[in-house]
Amino acid sequence: MISGTTRDEPRPGLLGPWDRLVGPGATAAENVLILAWTGVCAVAVVGHALVADLGWSPLQLTVAALFAADIGGGVPAN
């Protein structure tokens, strides 16, 4: 393990999968940024599709939101 506050191993319990997804040792501010940017990207793509009247089905909106959340959240996570 690296000295200091950085963790090499994921936390036990329910937070373990989150650590595996974004990396162990992320600070609270980093976690907030990741979650906030994920939500912003998902809402933005769905909002654009609705305002532009693209005629997407609920399934298309859901898939677009999931892709946007994954890509958008991955930027600050990495």
PDB file of N, CA and C in Angstrom:
ATOM      1  N   MET A   1       0.842  -1.180   0.000  1.00  0.00           N
ATOM      2  CA  MET A   1       0.000   0.000   0.000  1.00  0.00           C
ATOM      3  C   MET A   1       0.886   1.242   0.000  1.00  0.00           C
ATOM      4  N   ILE A   2       0.456   2.249  -0.698  1.00  0.00           N
ATOM      5  CA  ILE A   2       1.176   3.511  -0.749  1.00  0.00           C
ATOM      6  C   ILE A   2       0.924   4.262   0.550  1.00  0.00           C
ATOM      7  N   SER A   3       1.956   4.926   1.067  1.00  0.00           N
ATOM      8  CA  SER A   3       1.769   5.668   2.307  1.00  0.00           C
ATOM      9  C   SER A   3       0.876   6.879   2.072  1.00  0.00           C
ATOM     10  N   GLY A   4       0.281   7.369   3.137  1.00  0.00           N
ATOM     11  CA  GLY A   4      -0.620   8.508   3.027  1.00  0.00           C
ATOM     12  C   GLY A   4      -2.068   8.058   3.018  1.00  0.00           C
ATOM     13  N   THR A   5      -2.913   8.806   2.340  1.00  0.00           N
ATOM     14  CA  THR A   5      -4.341   8.505   2.344  1.00  0.00           C
ATOM     15  C   THR A   5      -4.794   7.745   1.108  1.00  0.00           C
ATOM     16  N   THR A   6      -3.907   7.471   0.170  1.00  0.00           N
ATOM     17  CA  THR A   6      -4.288   6.752  -1.039  1.00  0.00           C
ATOM     18  C   THR A   6      -4.464   5.273  -0.719  1.00  0.00           C
ATOM     19  N   ARG A   7      -5.531   4.688  -1.250  1.00  0.00           N
ATOM     20  CA  ARG A   7      -5.795   3.261  -1.046  1.00  0.00           C
ATOM     21  C   ARG A   7      -5.508   2.514  -2.342  1.00  0.00           C
ATOM     22  N   ASP A   8      -4.932   1.332  -2.191  1.00  0.00           N
ATOM     23  CA  ASP A   8      -4.709   0.473  -3.341  1.00  0.00           C
ATOM     24  C   ASP A   8      -5.844  -0.522  -3.536  1.00  0.00           C
ATOM     25  N   GLU A   9      -6.519  -0.855  -2.469  1.00  0.00           N
ATOM     26  CA  GLU A   9      -7.564  -1.874  -2.505  1.00  0.00           C
ATOM     27  C   GLU A   9      -8.939  -1.231  -2.380  1.00  0.00           C
ATOM     28  N   PRO A  10      -9.930  -1.786  -3.076  1.00  0.00           N
ATOM     29  CA  PRO A  10     -11.302  -1.283  -2.922  1.00  0.00           C
ATOM     30  C   PRO A  10     -11.800  -1.495  -1.498  1.00  0.00           C
ATOM     31  N   ARG A  11     -12.683  -0.609  -1.068  1.00  0.00           N
ATOM     32  CA  ARG A  11     -13.275  -0.735   0.262  1.00  0.00           C
ATOM     33  C   ARG A  11     -14.187  -1.958   0.306  1.00  0.00           C
ATOM     34  N   PRO A  12     -14.354  -2.546   1.478  1.00  0.00           N
ATOM     35  CA  PRO A  12     -15.285  -3.672   1.607  1.00  0.00           C
ATOM     36  C   PRO A  12     -16.732  -3.174   1.583  1.00  0.00           C
ATOM     37  N   GLY A  13     -17.632  -4.085   1.331  1.00  0.00           N
ATOM     38  CA  GLY A  13     -19.053  -3.757   1.392  1.00  0.00           C
ATOM     39  C   GLY A  13     -19.582  -3.133   0.121  1.00  0.00           C
ATOM     40  N   LEU A  14     -20.604  -2.302   0.280  1.00  0.00           N
ATOM     41  CA  LEU A  14     -21.305  -1.712  -0.852  1.00  0.00           C
ATOM     42  C   LEU A  14     -20.454  -0.718  -1.632  1.00  0.00           C
ATOM     43  N   LEU A  15     -19.438  -0.141  -1.025  1.00  0.00           N
ATOM     44  CA  LEU A  15     -18.600   0.833  -1.717  1.00  0.00           C
ATOM     45  C   LEU A  15     -17.502   0.175  -2.550  1.00  0.00           C
ATOM     46  N   GLY A  16     -17.297  -1.110  -2.383  1.00  0.00           N
ATOM     47  CA  GLY A  16     -16.281  -1.825  -3.161  1.00  0.00           C
ATOM     48  C   GLY A  16     -16.498  -1.758  -4.659  1.00  0.00           C
ATOM     49  N   PRO A  17     -17.707  -2.035  -5.152  1.00  0.00           N
ATOM     50  CA  PRO A  17     -17.935  -1.926  -6.598  1.00  0.00           C
ATOM     51  C   PRO A  17     -17.716  -0.508  -7.126  1.00  0.00           C
ATOM     52  N   TRP A  18     -18.081   0.500  -6.341  1.00  0.00           N
ATOM     53  CA  TRP A  18     -17.836   1.882  -6.765  1.00  0.00           C
ATOM     54  C   TRP A  18     -16.334   2.130  -6.903  1.00  0.00           C
ATOM     55  N   ASP A  19     -15.553   1.659  -5.926  1.00  0.00           N
ATOM     56  CA  ASP A  19     -14.096   1.809  -5.992  1.00  0.00           C
ATOM     57  C   ASP A  19     -13.516   1.082  -7.203  1.00  0.00           C
ATOM     58  N   ARG A  20     -14.057  -0.056  -7.518  1.00  0.00           N
ATOM     59  CA  ARG A  20     -13.579  -0.798  -8.695  1.00  0.00           C
ATOM     60  C   ARG A  20     -13.921  -0.062  -9.990  1.00  0.00           C
ATOM     61  N   LEU A  21     -15.020   0.671  -9.991  1.00  0.00           N
ATOM     62  CA  LEU A  21     -15.459   1.397 -11.176  1.00  0.00           C
ATOM     63  C   LEU A  21     -14.637   2.660 -11.399  1.00  0.00           C
ATOM     64  N   VAL A  22     -14.442   3.471 -10.354  1.00  0.00           N
ATOM     65  CA  VAL A  22     -13.758   4.752 -10.513  1.00  0.00           C
ATOM     66  C   VAL A  22     -12.328   4.733 -10.013  1.00  0.00           C
ATOM     67  N   GLY A  23     -11.959   3.690  -9.313  1.00  0.00           N
ATOM     68  CA  GLY A  23     -10.605   3.588  -8.778  1.00  0.00           C
ATOM     69  C   GLY A  23     -10.592   3.859  -7.294  1.00  0.00           C
ATOM     70  N   PRO A  24      -9.913   3.004  -6.542  1.00  0.00           N
ATOM     71  CA  PRO A  24      -9.843   3.228  -5.094  1.00  0.00           C
ATOM     72  C   PRO A  24      -9.042   4.490  -4.790  1.00  0.00           C
ATOM     73  N   GLY A  25      -9.416   5.145  -3.726  1.00  0.00           N
ATOM     74  CA  GLY A  25      -8.679   6.323  -3.302  1.00  0.00           C
ATOM     75  C   GLY A  25      -9.237   7.632  -3.807  1.00  0.00           C
ATOM     76  N   ALA A  26     -10.348   7.603  -4.526  1.00  0.00           N
ATOM     77  CA  ALA A  26     -10.947   8.856  -4.995  1.00  0.00           C
ATOM     78  C   ALA A  26     -11.451   9.648  -3.792  1.00  0.00           C
ATOM     79  N   THR A  27     -11.218  10.944  -3.823  1.00  0.00           N
ATOM     80  CA  THR A  27     -11.684  11.795  -2.731  1.00  0.00           C
ATOM     81  C   THR A  27     -13.186  12.042  -2.859  1.00  0.00           C
ATOM     82  N   ALA A  28     -13.756  12.605  -1.818  1.00  0.00           N
ATOM     83  CA  ALA A  28     -15.184  12.925  -1.855  1.00  0.00           C
ATOM     84  C   ALA A  28     -15.487  13.917  -2.975  1.00  0.00           C
ATOM     85  N   ALA A  29     -14.613  14.893  -3.162  1.00  0.00           N
ATOM     86  CA  ALA A  29     -14.821  15.879  -4.229  1.00  0.00           C
ATOM     87  C   ALA A  29     -14.777  15.211  -5.604  1.00  0.00           C
ATOM     88  N   GLU A  30     -13.863  14.280  -5.791  1.00  0.00           N
ATOM     89  CA  GLU A  30     -13.786  13.570  -7.068  1.00  0.00           C
ATOM     90  C   GLU A  30     -15.039  12.746  -7.308  1.00  0.00           C
ATOM     91  N   ASN A  31     -15.541  12.087  -6.271  1.00  0.00           N
ATOM     92  CA  ASN A  31     -16.761  11.296  -6.412  1.00  0.00           C
ATOM     93  C   ASN A  31     -17.961  12.180  -6.753  1.00  0.00           C
ATOM     94  N   VAL A  32     -18.061  13.351  -6.122  1.00  0.00           N
ATOM     95  CA  VAL A  32     -19.152  14.277  -6.424  1.00  0.00           C
ATOM     96  C   VAL A  32     -19.053  14.757  -7.868  1.00  0.00           C
ATOM     97  N   LEU A  33     -17.844  15.100  -8.303  1.00  0.00           N
ATOM     98  CA  LEU A  33     -17.646  15.547  -9.680  1.00  0.00           C
ATOM     99  C   LEU A  33     -18.059  14.464 -10.675  1.00  0.00           C
ATOM    100  N   ILE A  34     -17.668  13.232 -10.427  1.00  0.00           N
ATOM    101  CA  ILE A  34     -18.006  12.119 -11.323  1.00  0.00           C
ATOM    102  C   ILE A  34     -19.520  11.953 -11.405  1.00  0.00           C
ATOM    103  N   LEU A  35     -20.178  11.921 -10.251  1.00  0.00           N
ATOM    104  CA  LEU A  35     -21.629  11.722 -10.238  1.00  0.00           C
ATOM    105  C   LEU A  35     -22.369  12.908 -10.853  1.00  0.00           C
ATOM    106  N   ALA A  36     -21.920  14.112 -10.554  1.00  0.00           N
ATOM    107  CA  ALA A  36     -22.581  15.299 -11.104  1.00  0.00           C
ATOM    108  C   ALA A  36     -22.435  15.355 -12.619  1.00  0.00           C
ATOM    109  N   TRP A  37     -21.234  15.128 -13.118  1.00  0.00           N
ATOM    110  CA  TRP A  37     -21.007  15.208 -14.556  1.00  0.00           C
ATOM    111  C   TRP A  37     -21.740  14.076 -15.278  1.00  0.00           C
ATOM    112  N   THR A  38     -21.839  12.911 -14.659  1.00  0.00           N
ATOM    113  CA  THR A  38     -22.615  11.814 -15.233  1.00  0.00           C
ATOM    114  C   THR A  38     -24.070  12.232 -15.420  1.00  0.00           C
ATOM    115  N   GLY A  39     -24.644  12.826 -14.390  1.00  0.00           N
ATOM    116  CA  GLY A  39     -26.033  13.278 -14.468  1.00  0.00           C
ATOM    117  C   GLY A  39     -26.237  14.394 -15.472  1.00  0.00           C
ATOM    118  N   VAL A  40     -25.311  15.345 -15.500  1.00  0.00           N
ATOM    119  CA  VAL A  40     -25.421  16.460 -16.450  1.00  0.00           C
ATOM    120  C   VAL A  40     -25.416  15.941 -17.879  1.00  0.00           C
ATOM    121  N   CYS A  41     -24.526  15.024 -18.180  1.00  0.00           N
ATOM    122  CA  CYS A  41     -24.435  14.495 -19.549  1.00  0.00           C
ATOM    123  C   CYS A  41     -25.693  13.730 -19.937  1.00  0.00           C
ATOM    124  N   ALA A  42     -26.207  12.916 -19.027  1.00  0.00           N
ATOM    125  CA  ALA A  42     -27.415  12.145 -19.325  1.00  0.00           C
ATOM    126  C   ALA A  42     -28.609  13.068 -19.551  1.00  0.00           C
ATOM    127  N   VAL A  43     -28.769  14.058 -18.677  1.00  0.00           N
ATOM    128  CA  VAL A  43     -29.890  14.995 -18.816  1.00  0.00           C
ATOM    129  C   VAL A  43     -29.737  15.831 -20.081  1.00  0.00           C
ATOM    130  N   ALA A  44     -28.522  16.231 -20.394  1.00  0.00           N
ATOM    131  CA  ALA A  44     -28.297  17.071 -21.576  1.00  0.00           C
ATOM    132  C   ALA A  44     -28.671  16.350 -22.865  1.00  0.00           C
ATOM    133  N   VAL A  45     -28.283  15.099 -22.993  1.00  0.00           N
ATOM    134  CA  VAL A  45     -28.580  14.394 -24.245  1.00  0.00           C
ATOM    135  C   VAL A  45     -30.083  14.132 -24.378  1.00  0.00           C
ATOM    136  N   VAL A  46     -30.738  13.800 -23.288  1.00  0.00           N
ATOM    137  CA  VAL A  46     -32.190  13.587 -23.351  1.00  0.00           C
ATOM    138  C   VAL A  46     -32.898  14.914 -23.598  1.00  0.00           C
ATOM    139  N   GLY A  47     -32.450  15.966 -22.923  1.00  0.00           N
ATOM    140  CA  GLY A  47     -33.037  17.282 -23.147  1.00  0.00           C
ATOM    141  C   GLY A  47     -32.891  17.739 -24.586  1.00  0.00           C
ATOM    142  N   HIS A  48     -31.723  17.538 -25.147  1.00  0.00           N
ATOM    143  CA  HIS A  48     -31.513  17.917 -26.552  1.00  0.00           C
ATOM    144  C   HIS A  48     -32.434  17.128 -27.474  1.00  0.00           C
ATOM    145  N   ALA A  49     -32.542  15.838 -27.234  1.00  0.00           N
ATOM    146  CA  ALA A  49     -33.392  15.014 -28.091  1.00  0.00           C
ATOM    147  C   ALA A  49     -34.853  15.464 -28.014  1.00  0.00           C
ATOM    148  N   LEU A  50     -35.295  15.870 -26.838  1.00  0.00           N
ATOM    149  CA  LEU A  50     -36.682  16.311 -26.685  1.00  0.00           C
ATOM    150  C   LEU A  50     -36.903  17.697 -27.282  1.00  0.00           C
ATOM    151  N   VAL A  51     -35.973  18.622 -27.053  1.00  0.00           N
ATOM    152  CA  VAL A  51     -36.112  19.985 -27.586  1.00  0.00           C
ATOM    153  C   VAL A  51     -36.002  19.981 -29.106  1.00  0.00           C
ATOM    154  N   ALA A  52     -35.114  19.161 -29.645  1.00  0.00           N
ATOM    155  CA  ALA A  52     -34.932  19.091 -31.097  1.00  0.00           C
ATOM    156  C   ALA A  52     -36.025  18.262 -31.770  1.00  0.00           C
ATOM    157  N   ASP A  53     -36.919  17.690 -30.964  1.00  0.00           N
ATOM    158  CA  ASP A  53     -38.028  16.883 -31.456  1.00  0.00           C
ATOM    159  C   ASP A  53     -37.546  15.812 -32.436  1.00  0.00           C
ATOM    160  N   LEU A  54     -36.624  14.999 -31.941  1.00  0.00           N
ATOM    161  CA  LEU A  54     -36.056  13.941 -32.781  1.00  0.00           C
ATOM    162  C   LEU A  54     -36.999  12.754 -32.959  1.00  0.00           C
ATOM    163  N   GLY A  55     -38.040  12.716 -32.158  1.00  0.00           N
ATOM    164  CA  GLY A  55     -39.006  11.634 -32.292  1.00  0.00           C
ATOM    165  C   GLY A  55     -38.499  10.303 -31.758  1.00  0.00           C
ATOM    166  N   TRP A  56     -37.574  10.358 -30.811  1.00  0.00           N
ATOM    167  CA  TRP A  56     -37.024   9.121 -30.262  1.00  0.00           C
ATOM    168  C   TRP A  56     -38.036   8.453 -29.345  1.00  0.00           C
ATOM    169  N   SER A  57     -38.012   7.137 -29.345  1.00  0.00           N
ATOM    170  CA  SER A  57     -38.849   6.355 -28.446  1.00  0.00           C
ATOM    171  C   SER A  57     -38.233   6.393 -27.041  1.00  0.00           C
ATOM    172  N   PRO A  58     -39.004   5.996 -26.039  1.00  0.00           N
ATOM    173  CA  PRO A  58     -38.438   5.937 -24.683  1.00  0.00           C
ATOM    174  C   PRO A  58     -37.210   5.018 -24.610  1.00  0.00           C
ATOM    175  N   LEU A  59     -37.205   3.958 -25.373  1.00  0.00           N
ATOM    176  CA  LEU A  59     -36.039   3.072 -25.379  1.00  0.00           C
ATOM    177  C   LEU A  59     -34.816   3.788 -25.952  1.00  0.00           C
ATOM    178  N   GLN A  60     -35.002   4.531 -27.013  1.00  0.00           N
ATOM    179  CA  GLN A  60     -33.890   5.283 -27.604  1.00  0.00           C
ATOM    180  C   GLN A  60     -33.375   6.351 -26.649  1.00  0.00           C
ATOM    181  N   LEU A  61     -34.275   7.028 -25.963  1.00  0.00           N
ATOM    182  CA  LEU A  61     -33.868   8.027 -24.984  1.00  0.00           C
ATOM    183  C   LEU A  61     -33.078   7.391 -23.845  1.00  0.00           C
ATOM    184  N   THR A  62     -33.524   6.225 -23.403  1.00  0.00           N
ATOM    185  CA  THR A  62     -32.840   5.519 -22.321  1.00  0.00           C
ATOM    186  C   THR A  62     -31.441   5.092 -22.735  1.00  0.00           C
ATOM    187  N   VAL A  63     -31.325   4.514 -23.929  1.00  0.00           N
ATOM    188  CA  VAL A  63     -30.018   4.074 -24.419  1.00  0.00           C
ATOM    189  C   VAL A  63     -29.082   5.270 -24.593  1.00  0.00           C
ATOM    190  N   ALA A  64     -29.588   6.364 -25.150  1.00  0.00           N
ATOM    191  CA  ALA A  64     -28.766   7.567 -25.326  1.00  0.00           C
ATOM    192  C   ALA A  64     -28.324   8.115 -23.974  1.00  0.00           C
ATOM    193  N   ALA A  65     -29.222   8.117 -22.990  1.00  0.00           N
ATOM    194  CA  ALA A  65     -28.868   8.605 -21.655  1.00  0.00           C
ATOM    195  C   ALA A  65     -27.806   7.725 -21.016  1.00  0.00           C
ATOM    196  N   LEU A  66     -27.923   6.414 -21.193  1.00  0.00           N
ATOM    197  CA  LEU A  66     -26.923   5.499 -20.624  1.00  0.00           C
ATOM    198  C   LEU A  66     -25.558   5.690 -21.270  1.00  0.00           C
ATOM    199  N   PHE A  67     -25.536   5.840 -22.593  1.00  0.00           N
ATOM    200  CA  PHE A  67     -24.259   6.086 -23.286  1.00  0.00           C
ATOM    201  C   PHE A  67     -23.646   7.408 -22.833  1.00  0.00           C
ATOM    202  N   ALA A  68     -24.467   8.448 -22.756  1.00  0.00           N
ATOM    203  CA  ALA A  68     -23.965   9.755 -22.359  1.00  0.00           C
ATOM    204  C   ALA A  68     -23.446   9.724 -20.915  1.00  0.00           C
ATOM    205  N   ALA A  69     -24.161   9.039 -20.042  1.00  0.00           N
ATOM    206  CA  ALA A  69     -23.725   8.924 -18.651  1.00  0.00           C
ATOM    207  C   ALA A  69     -22.416   8.156 -18.550  1.00  0.00           C
ATOM    208  N   ASP A  70     -22.288   7.087 -19.312  1.00  0.00           N
ATOM    209  CA  ASP A  70     -21.072   6.275 -19.272  1.00  0.00           C
ATOM    210  C   ASP A  70     -19.872   7.053 -19.804  1.00  0.00           C
ATOM    211  N   ILE A  71     -20.043   7.687 -20.928  1.00  0.00           N
ATOM    212  CA  ILE A  71     -18.928   8.442 -21.535  1.00  0.00           C
ATOM    213  C   ILE A  71     -18.637   9.693 -20.717  1.00  0.00           C
ATOM    214  N   GLY A  72     -19.679  10.433 -20.355  1.00  0.00           N
ATOM    215  CA  GLY A  72     -19.482  11.654 -19.581  1.00  0.00           C
ATOM    216  C   GLY A  72     -18.898  11.398 -18.209  1.00  0.00           C
ATOM    217  N   GLY A  73     -19.355  10.361 -17.532  1.00  0.00           N
ATOM    218  CA  GLY A  73     -18.820  10.032 -16.210  1.00  0.00           C
ATOM    219  C   GLY A  73     -17.413   9.467 -16.273  1.00  0.00           C
ATOM    220  N   GLY A  74     -17.082   8.854 -17.397  1.00  0.00           N
ATOM    221  CA  GLY A  74     -15.752   8.281 -17.543  1.00  0.00           C
ATOM    222  C   GLY A  74     -14.671   9.327 -17.706  1.00  0.00           C
ATOM    223  N   VAL A  75     -15.030  10.497 -18.193  1.00  0.00           N
ATOM    224  CA  VAL A  75     -14.030  11.559 -18.397  1.00  0.00           C
ATOM    225  C   VAL A  75     -13.424  11.985 -17.063  1.00  0.00           C
ATOM    226  N   PRO A  76     -14.217  12.425 -16.077  1.00  0.00           N
ATOM    227  CA  PRO A  76     -13.576  12.808 -14.811  1.00  0.00           C
ATOM    228  C   PRO A  76     -13.059  11.611 -14.021  1.00  0.00           C
ATOM    229  N   ALA A  77     -13.645  10.434 -14.220  1.00  0.00           N
ATOM    230  CA  ALA A  77     -13.171   9.259 -13.490  1.00  0.00           C
ATOM    231  C   ALA A  77     -11.761   8.860 -13.917  1.00  0.00           C
ATOM    232  N   ASN A  78     -11.465   9.096 -15.183  1.00  0.00           N
ATOM    233  CA  ASN A  78     -10.136   8.729 -15.670  1.00  0.00           C
ATOM    234  C   ASN A  78      -9.177   9.886 -15.544  1.00  0.00           C
TER     235      ASN A  78
END
